[in-house]
Amino acid sequence: MTPHWKFLLVVFSMTGNYLQAQQVTLSPDQIKTLTADWKGDRFSDGRPKTSDRMLARLRNVSLEEAWGYLRNKGYQNQFEGEWMVIRPDSVMVGRAVTAQYWPMRPDYDKSIKEKGKSEGRIGPTNSWPIDVLRDGDIYVADSYGKMADGTLIGDNLGNAIFAKSHKGVVFYGSVRDIEGLEEINGFNGWIKGYDPSYIQQMMLGGINVPVRIGRAIVMPGDVILAKKGGIVFIPAQFLDDLVQNAEFIELRDAFGHQRLREGKYTPGQIDQQWTDEIKKDFLQWLDTQKNLPMTRKELDDYMKERNW
């Protein structure tokens, strides 16, 4: 097996009559291999350290703009919809800490718990991903859509999540204690359902591994844009350009709409490649705008690099 394949979920070796898992979470080097297109700073666990400033600006980007940008880059499996949202009128952005859950298999569950114990992990395995969260993280888990007996958290773990991340969760599965979770001011969750039962016949497969969330794939460190219409999972290397692209489109649209209302141009002139005259008018219009979504230098640099 080559080193490049060692970032797979777990590495197995036969010991006695069961398979022994060699790791609970991917190592920093393995995460770097998975996210090699990211060239910026990283956290100590290897995940991309995307800009807090860009994350804040991402909140104003529509799902359609983010989805369209990624589709044009060839990333066609980064959206999942049809969620139950705890606070549907809120927006949640952050960096993914991922976790994979599987149906219970006693031999593997035993080995993952033994490995976790040797690493100093305490408590039930569904609390282990919470222990690694840091400020700005979003806990993203694939629990294969299990509802009854598949509740990953209740209000106790919800409080622990919010205390560490000041964000919330994205679960392809269920939660319990929904009323208690609603009482955690600032906490939010995109989940597939609610059930009053507690977790049974499930086990942790790995932390900070690639996970499938419905029709999307998520890597550790991906950027989450969660709104009431759904979630776009953004590979870290695209964040800055995606945000600036969306902000530029917003400015073009605002200018175009204003000029159409004024009757200065026809829809045909606005909806095609702009003439030099319209571009000049747009640049003059920009000089009158006091609250640009980006700095003027960022805007000028963006326009220099693209045939707009």
C-alpha atoms as a PDB file:
ATOM      1  CA  MET A   1       0.000   0.000   0.000  1.00  0.00           C
ATOM      2  CA  THR A   2       1.435   3.360  -0.999  1.00  0.00           C
ATOM      3  CA  PRO A   3       1.499   6.267   1.497  1.00  0.00           C
ATOM      4  CA  HIS A   4      -1.154   8.082  -0.534  1.00  0.00           C
ATOM      5  CA  TRP A   5      -3.697   5.391   0.250  1.00  0.00           C
ATOM      6  CA  LYS A   6      -3.071   5.539   3.985  1.00  0.00           C
ATOM      7  CA  PHE A   7      -5.449   8.464   4.414  1.00  0.00           C
ATOM      8  CA  LEU A   8      -8.367   6.081   3.965  1.00  0.00           C
ATOM      9  CA  LEU A   9     -10.856   5.927   6.805  1.00  0.00           C
ATOM     10  CA  VAL A  10      -8.956   3.382   8.865  1.00  0.00           C
ATOM     11  CA  VAL A  11      -6.124   0.934   8.354  1.00  0.00           C
ATOM     12  CA  PHE A  12      -6.931  -2.598   9.434  1.00  0.00           C
ATOM     13  CA  SER A  13      -4.788  -5.458  10.686  1.00  0.00           C
ATOM     14  CA  MET A  14      -5.953  -8.873  11.830  1.00  0.00           C
ATOM     15  CA  THR A  15      -5.472  -9.473  15.547  1.00  0.00           C
ATOM     16  CA  GLY A  16      -7.083 -12.562  16.983  1.00  0.00           C
ATOM     17  CA  ASN A  17     -10.683 -12.854  15.854  1.00  0.00           C
ATOM     18  CA  TYR A  18     -11.429  -9.165  15.223  1.00  0.00           C
ATOM     19  CA  LEU A  19     -10.232  -6.253  13.107  1.00  0.00           C
ATOM     20  CA  GLN A  20      -8.276  -3.626  14.985  1.00  0.00           C
ATOM     21  CA  ALA A  21      -8.691  -0.021  13.876  1.00  0.00           C
ATOM     22  CA  GLN A  22      -5.348   1.779  13.770  1.00  0.00           C
ATOM     23  CA  GLN A  23      -6.689   5.321  14.219  1.00  0.00           C
ATOM     24  CA  VAL A  24      -9.794   7.229  15.308  1.00  0.00           C
ATOM     25  CA  THR A  25      -9.046  10.387  13.354  1.00  0.00           C
ATOM     26  CA  LEU A  26      -6.964  11.169  10.319  1.00  0.00           C
ATOM     27  CA  SER A  27      -3.543  12.601  11.085  1.00  0.00           C
ATOM     28  CA  PRO A  28      -2.624  16.179  10.092  1.00  0.00           C
ATOM     29  CA  ASP A  29      -0.519  14.849   7.222  1.00  0.00           C
ATOM     30  CA  GLN A  30      -3.384  12.708   5.958  1.00  0.00           C
ATOM     31  CA  ILE A  31      -5.761  15.690   6.075  1.00  0.00           C
ATOM     32  CA  LYS A  32      -3.175  17.748   4.181  1.00  0.00           C
ATOM     33  CA  THR A  33      -3.111  15.036   1.511  1.00  0.00           C
ATOM     34  CA  LEU A  34      -6.911  15.097   1.237  1.00  0.00           C
ATOM     35  CA  THR A  35      -6.974  18.898   0.964  1.00  0.00           C
ATOM     36  CA  ALA A  36      -3.784  19.411  -1.040  1.00  0.00           C
ATOM     37  CA  ASP A  37      -5.284  22.168  -3.221  1.00  0.00           C
ATOM     38  CA  TRP A  38      -5.419  24.464  -0.179  1.00  0.00           C
ATOM     39  CA  LYS A  39      -2.171  26.492  -0.087  1.00  0.00           C
ATOM     40  CA  GLY A  40      -2.794  28.661   2.970  1.00  0.00           C
ATOM     41  CA  ASP A  41      -2.371  28.272   6.728  1.00  0.00           C
ATOM     42  CA  ARG A  42      -3.654  25.225   8.562  1.00  0.00           C
ATOM     43  CA  PHE A  43      -4.804  24.342  12.059  1.00  0.00           C
ATOM     44  CA  SER A  44      -2.743  21.933  14.126  1.00  0.00           C
ATOM     45  CA  ASP A  45      -5.056  19.085  13.089  1.00  0.00           C
ATOM     46  CA  GLY A  46      -4.229  19.735   9.419  1.00  0.00           C
ATOM     47  CA  ARG A  47      -7.511  21.338   8.376  1.00  0.00           C
ATOM     48  CA  PRO A  48      -7.390  24.466   6.173  1.00  0.00           C
ATOM     49  CA  LYS A  49      -7.438  27.686   8.207  1.00  0.00           C
ATOM     50  CA  THR A  50      -9.729  29.777   6.046  1.00  0.00           C
ATOM     51  CA  SER A  51     -10.122  33.486   6.699  1.00  0.00           C
ATOM     52  CA  ASP A  52     -12.561  34.627   9.390  1.00  0.00           C
ATOM     53  CA  ARG A  53     -13.110  37.781   7.329  1.00  0.00           C
ATOM     54  CA  MET A  54     -14.141  35.787   4.270  1.00  0.00           C
ATOM     55  CA  LEU A  55     -16.367  33.543   6.368  1.00  0.00           C
ATOM     56  CA  ALA A  56     -18.205  36.633   7.627  1.00  0.00           C
ATOM     57  CA  ARG A  57     -18.658  37.891   4.060  1.00  0.00           C
ATOM     58  CA  LEU A  58     -19.887  34.472   2.939  1.00  0.00           C
ATOM     59  CA  ARG A  59     -23.049  34.953   5.000  1.00  0.00           C
ATOM     60  CA  ASN A  60     -24.347  37.367   2.347  1.00  0.00           C
ATOM     61  CA  VAL A  61     -23.768  34.970  -0.568  1.00  0.00           C
ATOM     62  CA  SER A  62     -26.848  33.204  -1.904  1.00  0.00           C
ATOM     63  CA  LEU A  63     -26.995  29.427  -2.164  1.00  0.00           C
ATOM     64  CA  GLU A  64     -27.541  29.755  -5.910  1.00  0.00           C
ATOM     65  CA  GLU A  65     -24.419  31.868  -6.383  1.00  0.00           C
ATOM     66  CA  ALA A  66     -22.268  29.500  -4.324  1.00  0.00           C
ATOM     67  CA  TRP A  67     -23.699  26.426  -6.042  1.00  0.00           C
ATOM     68  CA  GLY A  68     -23.283  27.936  -9.505  1.00  0.00           C
ATOM     69  CA  TYR A  69     -19.677  28.888  -8.858  1.00  0.00           C
ATOM     70  CA  LEU A  70     -18.758  25.377  -7.719  1.00  0.00           C
ATOM     71  CA  ARG A  71     -20.596  23.763 -10.638  1.00  0.00           C
ATOM     72  CA  ASN A  72     -18.554  25.896 -13.016  1.00  0.00           C
ATOM     73  CA  LYS A  73     -15.408  24.607 -11.297  1.00  0.00           C
ATOM     74  CA  GLY A  74     -16.513  20.999 -11.858  1.00  0.00           C
ATOM     75  CA  TYR A  75     -17.679  20.386  -8.276  1.00  0.00           C
ATOM     76  CA  GLN A  76     -21.218  19.198  -8.910  1.00  0.00           C
ATOM     77  CA  ASN A  77     -21.893  17.306  -5.669  1.00  0.00           C
ATOM     78  CA  GLN A  78     -21.616  19.993  -2.994  1.00  0.00           C
ATOM     79  CA  PHE A  79     -25.271  20.765  -2.151  1.00  0.00           C
ATOM     80  CA  GLU A  80     -27.843  19.040   0.040  1.00  0.00           C
ATOM     81  CA  GLY A  81     -31.387  20.302   0.652  1.00  0.00           C
ATOM     82  CA  GLU A  82     -34.551  19.208   2.474  1.00  0.00           C
ATOM     83  CA  TRP A  83     -33.466  19.873   6.052  1.00  0.00           C
ATOM     84  CA  MET A  84     -35.248  20.375   9.327  1.00  0.00           C
ATOM     85  CA  VAL A  85     -33.647  23.608  10.612  1.00  0.00           C
ATOM     86  CA  ILE A  86     -33.800  24.543  14.281  1.00  0.00           C
ATOM     87  CA  ARG A  87     -33.666  28.288  13.524  1.00  0.00           C
ATOM     88  CA  PRO A  88     -34.687  28.502   9.854  1.00  0.00           C
ATOM     89  CA  ASP A  89     -34.331  32.268   9.517  1.00  0.00           C
ATOM     90  CA  SER A  90     -30.678  32.200  10.585  1.00  0.00           C
ATOM     91  CA  VAL A  91     -27.519  31.696   8.517  1.00  0.00           C
ATOM     92  CA  MET A  92     -24.658  29.480   9.692  1.00  0.00           C
ATOM     93  CA  VAL A  93     -21.149  29.546   8.252  1.00  0.00           C
ATOM     94  CA  GLY A  94     -18.044  27.829   9.553  1.00  0.00           C
ATOM     95  CA  ARG A  95     -15.398  25.152   9.019  1.00  0.00           C
ATOM     96  CA  ALA A  96     -16.322  21.475   9.014  1.00  0.00           C
ATOM     97  CA  VAL A  97     -15.228  18.953  11.610  1.00  0.00           C
ATOM     98  CA  THR A  98     -16.542  15.706  10.179  1.00  0.00           C
ATOM     99  CA  ALA A  99     -17.591  12.429  11.768  1.00  0.00           C
ATOM    100  CA  GLN A 100     -18.733   9.143  10.259  1.00  0.00           C
ATOM    101  CA  TYR A 101     -21.183   6.836  12.034  1.00  0.00           C
ATOM    102  CA  TRP A 102     -22.056   3.276  11.076  1.00  0.00           C
ATOM    103  CA  PRO A 103     -24.484   0.574  12.172  1.00  0.00           C
ATOM    104  CA  MET A 104     -23.112  -1.305  15.163  1.00  0.00           C
ATOM    105  CA  ARG A 105     -20.592  -4.080  14.594  1.00  0.00           C
ATOM    106  CA  PRO A 106     -19.205  -5.281  17.946  1.00  0.00           C
ATOM    107  CA  ASP A 107     -15.682  -6.196  16.829  1.00  0.00           C
ATOM    108  CA  TYR A 108     -15.003  -2.849  15.186  1.00  0.00           C
ATOM    109  CA  ASP A 109     -16.743  -0.912  17.980  1.00  0.00           C
ATOM    110  CA  LYS A 110     -14.509  -2.664  20.510  1.00  0.00           C
ATOM    111  CA  SER A 111     -11.362  -1.818  18.598  1.00  0.00           C
ATOM    112  CA  ILE A 112     -12.279   1.847  18.033  1.00  0.00           C
ATOM    113  CA  LYS A 113     -13.036   2.258  21.744  1.00  0.00           C
ATOM    114  CA  GLU A 114      -9.731   0.623  22.694  1.00  0.00           C
ATOM    115  CA  LYS A 115      -7.872   2.923  20.332  1.00  0.00           C
ATOM    116  CA  GLY A 116      -9.712   5.937  21.694  1.00  0.00           C
ATOM    117  CA  LYS A 117      -8.901   4.939  25.253  1.00  0.00           C
ATOM    118  CA  SER A 118      -5.204   4.673  24.364  1.00  0.00           C
ATOM    119  CA  GLU A 119      -5.407   8.213  22.960  1.00  0.00           C
ATOM    120  CA  GLY A 120      -6.936   9.549  26.176  1.00  0.00           C
ATOM    121  CA  ARG A 121     -10.463   9.975  24.849  1.00  0.00           C
ATOM    122  CA  ILE A 122     -13.198   9.782  27.465  1.00  0.00           C
ATOM    123  CA  GLY A 123     -16.950   9.331  27.499  1.00  0.00           C
ATOM    124  CA  PRO A 124     -19.197   7.792  24.830  1.00  0.00           C
ATOM    125  CA  THR A 125     -17.877   7.856  21.277  1.00  0.00           C
ATOM    126  CA  ASN A 126     -20.538  10.298  20.075  1.00  0.00           C
ATOM    127  CA  SER A 127     -18.924  12.906  22.341  1.00  0.00           C
ATOM    128  CA  TRP A 128     -15.422  12.474  20.856  1.00  0.00           C
ATOM    129  CA  PRO A 129     -15.981  14.708  17.799  1.00  0.00           C
ATOM    130  CA  ILE A 130     -17.200  17.441  20.141  1.00  0.00           C
ATOM    131  CA  ASP A 131     -13.928  17.342  22.063  1.00  0.00           C
ATOM    132  CA  VAL A 132     -11.933  18.404  18.985  1.00  0.00           C
ATOM    133  CA  LEU A 133     -14.132  21.396  18.058  1.00  0.00           C
ATOM    134  CA  ARG A 134     -12.700  24.885  18.195  1.00  0.00           C
ATOM    135  CA  ASP A 135     -14.269  28.333  17.787  1.00  0.00           C
ATOM    136  CA  GLY A 136     -15.876  28.692  14.356  1.00  0.00           C
ATOM    137  CA  ASP A 137     -16.199  24.962  13.657  1.00  0.00           C
ATOM    138  CA  ILE A 138     -19.388  23.218  12.587  1.00  0.00           C
ATOM    139  CA  TYR A 139     -19.886  19.583  13.589  1.00  0.00           C
ATOM    140  CA  VAL A 140     -20.838  17.695  10.402  1.00  0.00           C
ATOM    141  CA  ALA A 141     -21.860  14.057  10.842  1.00  0.00           C
ATOM    142  CA  ASP A 142     -23.144  11.320   8.594  1.00  0.00           C
ATOM    143  CA  SER A 143     -25.342   9.020  10.647  1.00  0.00           C
ATOM    144  CA  TYR A 144     -26.843   7.475   7.502  1.00  0.00           C
ATOM    145  CA  GLY A 145     -30.270   9.051   8.023  1.00  0.00           C
ATOM    146  CA  LYS A 146     -31.132   7.001  11.089  1.00  0.00           C
ATOM    147  CA  MET A 147     -34.038   8.482  13.032  1.00  0.00           C
ATOM    148  CA  ALA A 148     -35.224   6.221  15.892  1.00  0.00           C
ATOM    149  CA  ASP A 149     -32.268   5.250  18.100  1.00  0.00           C
ATOM    150  CA  GLY A 150     -30.015   7.392  15.909  1.00  0.00           C
ATOM    151  CA  THR A 151     -30.046  10.646  17.877  1.00  0.00           C
ATOM    152  CA  LEU A 152     -26.454  11.901  17.969  1.00  0.00           C
ATOM    153  CA  ILE A 153     -27.029  14.639  20.540  1.00  0.00           C
ATOM    154  CA  GLY A 154     -29.510  16.049  23.011  1.00  0.00           C
ATOM    155  CA  ASP A 155     -29.412  19.334  24.868  1.00  0.00           C
ATOM    156  CA  ASN A 156     -26.444  18.370  27.080  1.00  0.00           C
ATOM    157  CA  LEU A 157     -24.146  17.692  24.127  1.00  0.00           C
ATOM    158  CA  GLY A 158     -25.710  20.632  22.306  1.00  0.00           C
ATOM    159  CA  ASN A 159     -24.539  22.941  25.088  1.00  0.00           C
ATOM    160  CA  ALA A 160     -21.064  21.398  24.918  1.00  0.00           C
ATOM    161  CA  ILE A 161     -20.936  21.941  21.143  1.00  0.00           C
ATOM    162  CA  PHE A 162     -21.943  25.577  21.402  1.00  0.00           C
ATOM    163  CA  ALA A 163     -19.522  26.252  24.266  1.00  0.00           C
ATOM    164  CA  LYS A 164     -16.604  25.075  22.114  1.00  0.00           C
ATOM    165  CA  SER A 165     -17.594  26.245  18.606  1.00  0.00           C
ATOM    166  CA  HIS A 166     -20.245  28.982  19.057  1.00  0.00           C
ATOM    167  CA  LYS A 167     -21.913  27.415  16.023  1.00  0.00           C
ATOM    168  CA  GLY A 168     -24.030  24.283  15.634  1.00  0.00           C
ATOM    169  CA  VAL A 169     -24.399  21.034  13.717  1.00  0.00           C
ATOM    170  CA  VAL A 170     -25.153  19.488  10.352  1.00  0.00           C
ATOM    171  CA  PHE A 171     -26.383  15.914  10.855  1.00  0.00           C
ATOM    172  CA  TYR A 172     -27.523  13.513   8.178  1.00  0.00           C
ATOM    173  CA  GLY A 173     -29.569  11.927  10.945  1.00  0.00           C
ATOM    174  CA  SER A 174     -31.512  12.913  14.039  1.00  0.00           C
ATOM    175  CA  VAL A 175     -31.338  14.635  17.425  1.00  0.00           C
ATOM    176  CA  ARG A 176     -33.325  14.411  20.641  1.00  0.00           C
ATOM    177  CA  ASP A 177     -34.317  17.040  23.264  1.00  0.00           C
ATOM    178  CA  ILE A 178     -35.271  19.454  20.503  1.00  0.00           C
ATOM    179  CA  GLU A 179     -36.897  21.901  22.918  1.00  0.00           C
ATOM    180  CA  GLY A 180     -33.718  22.013  24.989  1.00  0.00           C
ATOM    181  CA  LEU A 181     -31.621  22.611  21.880  1.00  0.00           C
ATOM    182  CA  GLU A 182     -33.899  25.507  20.912  1.00  0.00           C
ATOM    183  CA  GLU A 183     -33.168  27.110  24.284  1.00  0.00           C
ATOM    184  CA  ILE A 184     -29.414  27.328  23.576  1.00  0.00           C
ATOM    185  CA  ASN A 185     -29.120  30.936  22.431  1.00  0.00           C
ATOM    186  CA  GLY A 186     -27.152  31.052  19.192  1.00  0.00           C
ATOM    187  CA  PHE A 187     -27.051  27.304  18.588  1.00  0.00           C
ATOM    188  CA  ASN A 188     -28.425  26.064  15.289  1.00  0.00           C
ATOM    189  CA  GLY A 189     -28.777  22.757  13.542  1.00  0.00           C
ATOM    190  CA  TRP A 190     -29.531  21.382  10.101  1.00  0.00           C
ATOM    191  CA  ILE A 191     -30.834  17.875  10.765  1.00  0.00           C
ATOM    192  CA  LYS A 192     -32.918  15.263   8.989  1.00  0.00           C
ATOM    193  CA  GLY A 193     -35.329  14.747  11.856  1.00  0.00           C
ATOM    194  CA  TYR A 194     -36.148  14.488  15.546  1.00  0.00           C
ATOM    195  CA  ASP A 195     -36.823  11.460  17.713  1.00  0.00           C
ATOM    196  CA  PRO A 196     -37.198  11.159  21.503  1.00  0.00           C
ATOM    197  CA  SER A 197     -35.141   7.948  21.628  1.00  0.00           C
ATOM    198  CA  TYR A 198     -31.476   7.730  22.615  1.00  0.00           C
ATOM    199  CA  ILE A 199     -28.632   6.428  20.486  1.00  0.00           C
ATOM    200  CA  GLN A 200     -28.442   2.637  20.126  1.00  0.00           C
ATOM    201  CA  GLN A 201     -26.873   0.155  17.716  1.00  0.00           C
ATOM    202  CA  MET A 202     -24.608   2.807  16.205  1.00  0.00           C
ATOM    203  CA  MET A 203     -20.861   3.255  16.368  1.00  0.00           C
ATOM    204  CA  LEU A 204     -18.285   5.868  15.465  1.00  0.00           C
ATOM    205  CA  GLY A 205     -16.377   5.111  12.270  1.00  0.00           C
ATOM    206  CA  GLY A 206     -13.939   8.021  12.266  1.00  0.00           C
ATOM    207  CA  ILE A 207     -13.343  11.718  12.964  1.00  0.00           C
ATOM    208  CA  ASN A 208     -12.181  14.247  10.357  1.00  0.00           C
ATOM    209  CA  VAL A 209     -12.632  11.802   7.497  1.00  0.00           C
ATOM    210  CA  PRO A 210     -14.464  12.348   4.178  1.00  0.00           C
ATOM    211  CA  VAL A 211     -18.210  11.932   4.706  1.00  0.00           C
ATOM    212  CA  ARG A 212     -21.263  11.771   2.492  1.00  0.00           C
ATOM    213  CA  ILE A 213     -24.077  14.145   3.442  1.00  0.00           C
ATOM    214  CA  GLY A 214     -26.979  13.142   1.208  1.00  0.00           C
ATOM    215  CA  ARG A 215     -25.889  13.932  -2.332  1.00  0.00           C
ATOM    216  CA  ALA A 216     -22.837  15.901  -1.210  1.00  0.00           C
ATOM    217  CA  ILE A 217     -19.321  14.920  -0.172  1.00  0.00           C
ATOM    218  CA  VAL A 218     -17.614  16.826   2.630  1.00  0.00           C
ATOM    219  CA  MET A 219     -13.940  16.971   3.566  1.00  0.00           C
ATOM    220  CA  PRO A 220     -12.580  18.070   6.949  1.00  0.00           C
ATOM    221  CA  GLY A 221     -12.066  21.826   6.765  1.00  0.00           C
ATOM    222  CA  ASP A 222     -14.652  22.432   4.035  1.00  0.00           C
ATOM    223  CA  VAL A 223     -16.518  25.709   4.481  1.00  0.00           C
ATOM    224  CA  ILE A 224     -20.226  25.420   5.300  1.00  0.00           C
ATOM    225  CA  LEU A 225     -22.826  27.864   3.970  1.00  0.00           C
ATOM    226  CA  ALA A 226     -26.114  26.821   5.608  1.00  0.00           C
ATOM    227  CA  LYS A 227     -29.374  28.651   4.939  1.00  0.00           C
ATOM    228  CA  LYS A 228     -33.029  27.682   5.177  1.00  0.00           C
ATOM    229  CA  GLY A 229     -32.980  26.460   1.565  1.00  0.00           C
ATOM    230  CA  GLY A 230     -30.127  24.034   2.125  1.00  0.00           C
ATOM    231  CA  ILE A 231     -26.366  23.755   2.510  1.00  0.00           C
ATOM    232  CA  VAL A 232     -23.443  24.280   0.149  1.00  0.00           C
ATOM    233  CA  PHE A 233     -20.198  22.599   1.190  1.00  0.00           C
ATOM    234  CA  ILE A 234     -17.327  24.683  -0.210  1.00  0.00           C
ATOM    235  CA  PRO A 235     -13.800  23.283  -0.688  1.00  0.00           C
ATOM    236  CA  ALA A 236     -11.511  25.651   1.212  1.00  0.00           C
ATOM    237  CA  GLN A 237      -9.398  26.591  -1.808  1.00  0.00           C
ATOM    238  CA  PHE A 238     -12.398  28.251  -3.479  1.00  0.00           C
ATOM    239  CA  LEU A 239     -13.654  30.381  -0.588  1.00  0.00           C
ATOM    240  CA  ASP A 240     -11.976  33.718  -1.344  1.00  0.00           C
ATOM    241  CA  ASP A 241     -12.688  33.712  -5.076  1.00  0.00           C
ATOM    242  CA  LEU A 242     -16.241  32.429  -4.586  1.00  0.00           C
ATOM    243  CA  VAL A 243     -17.049  35.263  -2.189  1.00  0.00           C
ATOM    244  CA  GLN A 244     -15.505  37.950  -4.389  1.00  0.00           C
ATOM    245  CA  ASN A 245     -17.254  36.551  -7.465  1.00  0.00           C
ATOM    246  CA  ALA A 246     -20.630  36.674  -5.673  1.00  0.00           C
ATOM    247  CA  GLU A 247     -19.981  40.207  -4.412  1.00  0.00           C
ATOM    248  CA  PHE A 248     -19.056  41.393  -7.907  1.00  0.00           C
ATOM    249  CA  ILE A 249     -22.213  39.851  -9.371  1.00  0.00           C
ATOM    250  CA  GLU A 250     -24.217  41.633  -6.656  1.00  0.00           C
ATOM    251  CA  LEU A 251     -22.692  44.981  -7.676  1.00  0.00           C
ATOM    252  CA  ARG A 252     -23.266  44.351 -11.396  1.00  0.00           C
ATOM    253  CA  ASP A 253     -26.875  43.418 -10.716  1.00  0.00           C
ATOM    254  CA  ALA A 254     -27.479  46.495  -8.535  1.00  0.00           C
ATOM    255  CA  PHE A 255     -26.043  48.760 -11.255  1.00  0.00           C
ATOM    256  CA  GLY A 256     -27.962  47.000 -14.015  1.00  0.00           C
ATOM    257  CA  HIS A 257     -31.262  47.114 -12.152  1.00  0.00           C
ATOM    258  CA  GLN A 258     -30.843  50.812 -11.399  1.00  0.00           C
ATOM    259  CA  ARG A 259     -30.018  51.694 -14.995  1.00  0.00           C
ATOM    260  CA  LEU A 260     -32.968  49.616 -16.273  1.00  0.00           C
ATOM    261  CA  ARG A 261     -35.353  51.423 -13.917  1.00  0.00           C
ATOM    262  CA  GLU A 262     -33.941  54.739 -15.150  1.00  0.00           C
ATOM    263  CA  GLY A 263     -34.448  53.627 -18.742  1.00  0.00           C
ATOM    264  CA  LYS A 264     -30.831  54.379 -19.642  1.00  0.00           C
ATOM    265  CA  TYR A 265     -30.197  50.942 -21.143  1.00  0.00           C
ATOM    266  CA  THR A 266     -32.347  48.180 -22.581  1.00  0.00           C
ATOM    267  CA  PRO A 267     -32.473  44.647 -21.127  1.00  0.00           C
ATOM    268  CA  GLY A 268     -30.613  43.439 -24.211  1.00  0.00           C
ATOM    269  CA  GLN A 269     -27.721  45.808 -23.488  1.00  0.00           C
ATOM    270  CA  ILE A 270     -27.473  44.781 -19.827  1.00  0.00           C
ATOM    271  CA  ASP A 271     -27.863  41.034 -20.366  1.00  0.00           C
ATOM    272  CA  GLN A 272     -25.001  40.657 -22.834  1.00  0.00           C
ATOM    273  CA  GLN A 273     -21.273  41.449 -22.711  1.00  0.00           C
ATOM    274  CA  TRP A 274     -21.116  45.099 -21.722  1.00  0.00           C
ATOM    275  CA  THR A 275     -19.801  47.696 -24.145  1.00  0.00           C
ATOM    276  CA  ASP A 276     -16.915  49.960 -23.144  1.00  0.00           C
ATOM    277  CA  GLU A 277     -19.458  52.744 -22.616  1.00  0.00           C
ATOM    278  CA  ILE A 278     -21.450  50.698 -20.074  1.00  0.00           C
ATOM    279  CA  LYS A 279     -18.253  49.566 -18.348  1.00  0.00           C
ATOM    280  CA  LYS A 280     -17.161  53.194 -17.987  1.00  0.00           C
ATOM    281  CA  ASP A 281     -20.584  54.091 -16.578  1.00  0.00           C
ATOM    282  CA  PHE A 282     -20.323  51.178 -14.122  1.00  0.00           C
ATOM    283  CA  LEU A 283     -16.907  52.338 -12.875  1.00  0.00           C
ATOM    284  CA  GLN A 284     -18.257  55.855 -12.330  1.00  0.00           C
ATOM    285  CA  TRP A 285     -21.278  54.394 -10.533  1.00  0.00           C
ATOM    286  CA  LEU A 286     -18.957  52.456  -8.222  1.00  0.00           C
ATOM    287  CA  ASP A 287     -17.349  55.741  -7.149  1.00  0.00           C
ATOM    288  CA  THR A 288     -20.738  56.850  -5.775  1.00  0.00           C
ATOM    289  CA  GLN A 289     -21.288  53.734  -3.643  1.00  0.00           C
ATOM    290  CA  LYS A 290     -20.420  54.099   0.039  1.00  0.00           C
ATOM    291  CA  ASN A 291     -20.909  50.529   1.294  1.00  0.00           C
ATOM    292  CA  LEU A 292     -19.090  48.226  -1.086  1.00  0.00           C
ATOM    293  CA  PRO A 293     -19.018  44.560   0.012  1.00  0.00           C
ATOM    294  CA  MET A 294     -15.249  44.423  -0.693  1.00  0.00           C
ATOM    295  CA  THR A 295     -12.438  46.968  -0.587  1.00  0.00           C
ATOM    296  CA  ARG A 296     -11.952  49.043  -3.722  1.00  0.00           C
ATOM    297  CA  LYS A 297      -8.494  47.500  -4.166  1.00  0.00           C
ATOM    298  CA  GLU A 298     -10.004  43.994  -4.072  1.00  0.00           C
ATOM    299  CA  LEU A 299     -12.598  45.103  -6.599  1.00  0.00           C
ATOM    300  CA  ASP A 300     -10.040  46.683  -8.925  1.00  0.00           C
ATOM    301  CA  ASP A 301      -7.803  43.612  -8.729  1.00  0.00           C
ATOM    302  CA  TYR A 302     -10.776  41.349  -9.413  1.00  0.00           C
ATOM    303  CA  MET A 303     -11.768  43.276 -12.536  1.00  0.00           C
ATOM    304  CA  LYS A 304      -8.197  43.378 -13.854  1.00  0.00           C
ATOM    305  CA  GLU A 305      -7.981  39.573 -13.715  1.00  0.00           C
ATOM    306  CA  ARG A 306     -11.287  38.883 -15.489  1.00  0.00           C
ATOM    307  CA  ASN A 307     -12.988  39.762 -18.746  1.00  0.00           C
ATOM    308  CA  TRP A 308     -16.074  41.292 -17.180  1.00  0.00           C
END
